[in-house]
Amino acid sequence: MKQPLRIKKSNIIMATVFLRSKTGRSLIKEGKAIQYDVTPYLAAPETYEKAINEFKKLGFTIEAKGITLSISGPLKLFEKTFKVKIYLGKLDDHGPSQNRSSAENRTIYLSSRPLMKIKELEDVVEGVSLTKPGVLF
């Protein structure tokens, strides 16, 4: 009989921070309809600076800066900061070289709120979502 997976609250997880753009256009709302020009989705330098400083103060590590920010930290820090419950779920998408059963066997971290927010940072951050692992082709 399989034992349920146990989550350690000290596990390090990653998330994507969606910053408010200079133009008001939203990566979250427009999603996959984004064209090759990412300029309309870029945040102002002061937006990056404030978001980076605040996430560092909260205890997160800044992993990368681009159109979005990538942050990491202990699972318990995410739960405390965003007032969510993090749990293990099944990866529901699959690449062309994977069959459905192998994709369904991959577990990922999920949040009780897929788009997490911090009220104090709403002026610079649209939302934060846990990062899904890439699917190999």
Protein backbone atom coordinates (compact mmCIF):
# COMPACT_ATOMS: atom_id res chain seq x y z
CA MET A 1 0.00 0.00 0.00
CA LYS A 2 1.35 3.43 -0.98
CA GLN A 3 2.13 5.91 1.76
CA PRO A 4 0.85 9.48 1.22
CA LEU A 5 3.51 12.02 0.39
CA ARG A 6 4.42 14.19 3.32
CA ILE A 7 5.24 17.83 2.83
CA LYS A 8 8.03 19.33 4.88
CA LYS A 9 7.27 22.93 5.76
CA SER A 10 10.97 23.68 5.21
CA ASN A 11 10.85 22.55 1.54
CA ILE A 12 11.99 25.33 -0.79
CA ILE A 13 9.47 26.17 -3.49
CA MET A 14 9.43 28.71 -6.32
CA ALA A 15 6.89 31.20 -7.59
CA THR A 16 6.42 33.75 -10.35
CA VAL A 17 5.70 37.35 -9.37
CA PHE A 18 3.63 39.24 -11.94
CA LEU A 19 4.50 42.92 -11.69
CA ARG A 20 2.27 45.79 -12.75
CA SER A 21 3.44 47.08 -16.12
CA LYS A 22 4.14 50.71 -17.07
CA THR A 23 1.40 50.54 -19.70
CA GLY A 24 -1.26 48.89 -17.58
CA ARG A 25 -1.29 45.76 -19.76
CA SER A 26 -1.50 42.52 -17.81
CA LEU A 27 0.36 39.27 -18.37
CA ILE A 28 -2.20 37.57 -16.15
CA LYS A 29 -5.25 38.80 -18.06
CA GLU A 30 -3.77 38.43 -21.55
CA GLY A 31 -2.01 35.15 -20.79
CA LYS A 32 -1.03 33.15 -23.84
CA ALA A 33 -2.11 35.88 -26.28
CA ILE A 34 1.22 37.68 -25.82
CA GLN A 35 3.09 38.45 -29.01
CA TYR A 36 6.87 38.57 -29.43
CA ASP A 37 7.19 42.15 -28.21
CA VAL A 38 7.19 42.06 -24.41
CA THR A 39 7.74 45.81 -24.02
CA PRO A 40 4.08 46.59 -23.10
CA TYR A 41 4.34 44.16 -20.15
CA LEU A 42 7.52 45.53 -18.59
CA ALA A 43 7.36 47.19 -15.19
CA ALA A 44 8.98 50.52 -14.39
CA PRO A 45 12.44 50.33 -12.76
CA GLU A 46 11.02 51.61 -9.46
CA THR A 47 8.39 48.85 -9.54
CA TYR A 48 11.11 46.20 -9.86
CA GLU A 49 13.12 47.87 -7.10
CA LYS A 50 10.21 48.06 -4.65
CA ALA A 51 9.06 44.49 -5.32
CA ILE A 52 12.58 43.07 -4.99
CA ASN A 53 13.27 44.97 -1.76
CA GLU A 54 9.94 43.99 -0.19
CA PHE A 55 10.21 40.30 -1.09
CA LYS A 56 13.76 40.22 0.31
CA LYS A 57 12.52 41.87 3.54
CA LEU A 58 9.84 39.18 3.81
CA GLY A 59 12.57 36.50 3.59
CA PHE A 60 12.26 35.38 -0.04
CA THR A 61 15.21 34.84 -2.39
CA ILE A 62 15.08 36.59 -5.76
CA GLU A 63 16.05 33.94 -8.30
CA ALA A 64 15.62 35.85 -11.57
CA LYS A 65 14.40 39.16 -12.96
CA GLY A 66 12.79 39.48 -16.39
CA ILE A 67 9.26 40.36 -17.40
CA THR A 68 8.35 38.75 -14.08
CA LEU A 69 10.34 37.98 -10.95
CA SER A 70 11.12 34.45 -9.84
CA ILE A 71 11.23 34.03 -6.09
CA SER A 72 11.89 31.09 -3.79
CA GLY A 73 11.52 30.37 -0.12
CA PRO A 74 10.42 27.79 2.40
CA LEU A 75 6.90 26.46 1.96
CA LYS A 76 5.94 27.76 5.42
CA LEU A 77 7.03 31.29 4.39
CA PHE A 78 4.63 31.17 1.42
CA GLU A 79 1.79 29.95 3.63
CA LYS A 80 2.41 32.64 6.25
CA THR A 81 2.98 35.54 3.82
CA PHE A 82 0.11 34.81 1.45
CA LYS A 83 -2.25 33.24 4.03
CA VAL A 84 -2.71 30.11 1.91
CA LYS A 85 -2.38 26.37 2.30
CA ILE A 86 0.21 24.67 0.09
CA TYR A 87 -0.40 21.05 -0.82
CA LEU A 88 0.73 18.41 -3.30
CA GLY A 89 -1.35 17.87 -6.41
CA LYS A 90 -1.08 16.12 -9.74
CA LEU A 91 0.46 17.70 -12.83
CA ASP A 92 -2.44 17.89 -15.28
CA ASP A 93 -0.66 18.89 -18.49
CA HIS A 94 1.65 16.79 -20.56
CA GLY A 95 4.03 17.19 -23.47
CA PRO A 96 3.83 15.41 -26.81
CA SER A 97 6.30 12.69 -25.81
CA GLN A 98 4.48 11.82 -22.60
CA ASN A 99 1.44 9.68 -22.28
CA ARG A 100 -1.34 10.72 -19.92
CA SER A 101 -0.49 8.16 -17.22
CA SER A 102 3.15 9.29 -16.79
CA ALA A 103 2.11 12.97 -16.56
CA GLU A 104 -0.55 12.14 -13.99
CA ASN A 105 2.08 10.54 -11.77
CA ARG A 106 4.04 13.79 -11.38
CA THR A 107 3.24 15.78 -8.29
CA ILE A 108 3.53 19.53 -7.94
CA TYR A 109 2.95 22.11 -5.26
CA LEU A 110 -0.41 23.86 -5.44
CA SER A 111 -1.85 26.74 -3.46
CA SER A 112 -5.33 27.05 -2.01
CA ARG A 113 -5.46 30.30 -4.01
CA PRO A 114 -3.81 29.90 -7.45
CA LEU A 115 -3.18 33.65 -7.69
CA MET A 116 -1.75 34.83 -4.39
CA LYS A 117 -1.62 38.48 -3.34
CA ILE A 118 -0.18 40.70 -0.63
CA LYS A 119 -2.39 43.69 0.10
CA GLU A 120 0.59 45.93 0.93
CA LEU A 121 2.18 45.27 -2.48
CA GLU A 122 -0.89 45.56 -4.72
CA ASP A 123 0.44 48.82 -6.16
CA VAL A 124 3.38 46.97 -7.76
CA VAL A 125 2.38 43.28 -7.85
CA GLU A 126 -0.62 41.89 -9.75
CA GLY A 127 -0.26 38.46 -8.25
CA VAL A 128 2.04 35.55 -7.45
CA SER A 129 1.63 31.96 -8.62
CA LEU A 130 3.55 28.84 -7.71
CA THR A 131 5.85 27.72 -10.48
CA LYS A 132 5.00 24.50 -12.30
CA PRO A 133 7.93 22.35 -13.38
CA GLY A 134 8.64 22.27 -17.10
CA VAL A 135 7.34 19.40 -19.18
CA LEU A 136 10.02 17.56 -21.14
CA PHE A 137 9.40 16.92 -24.81
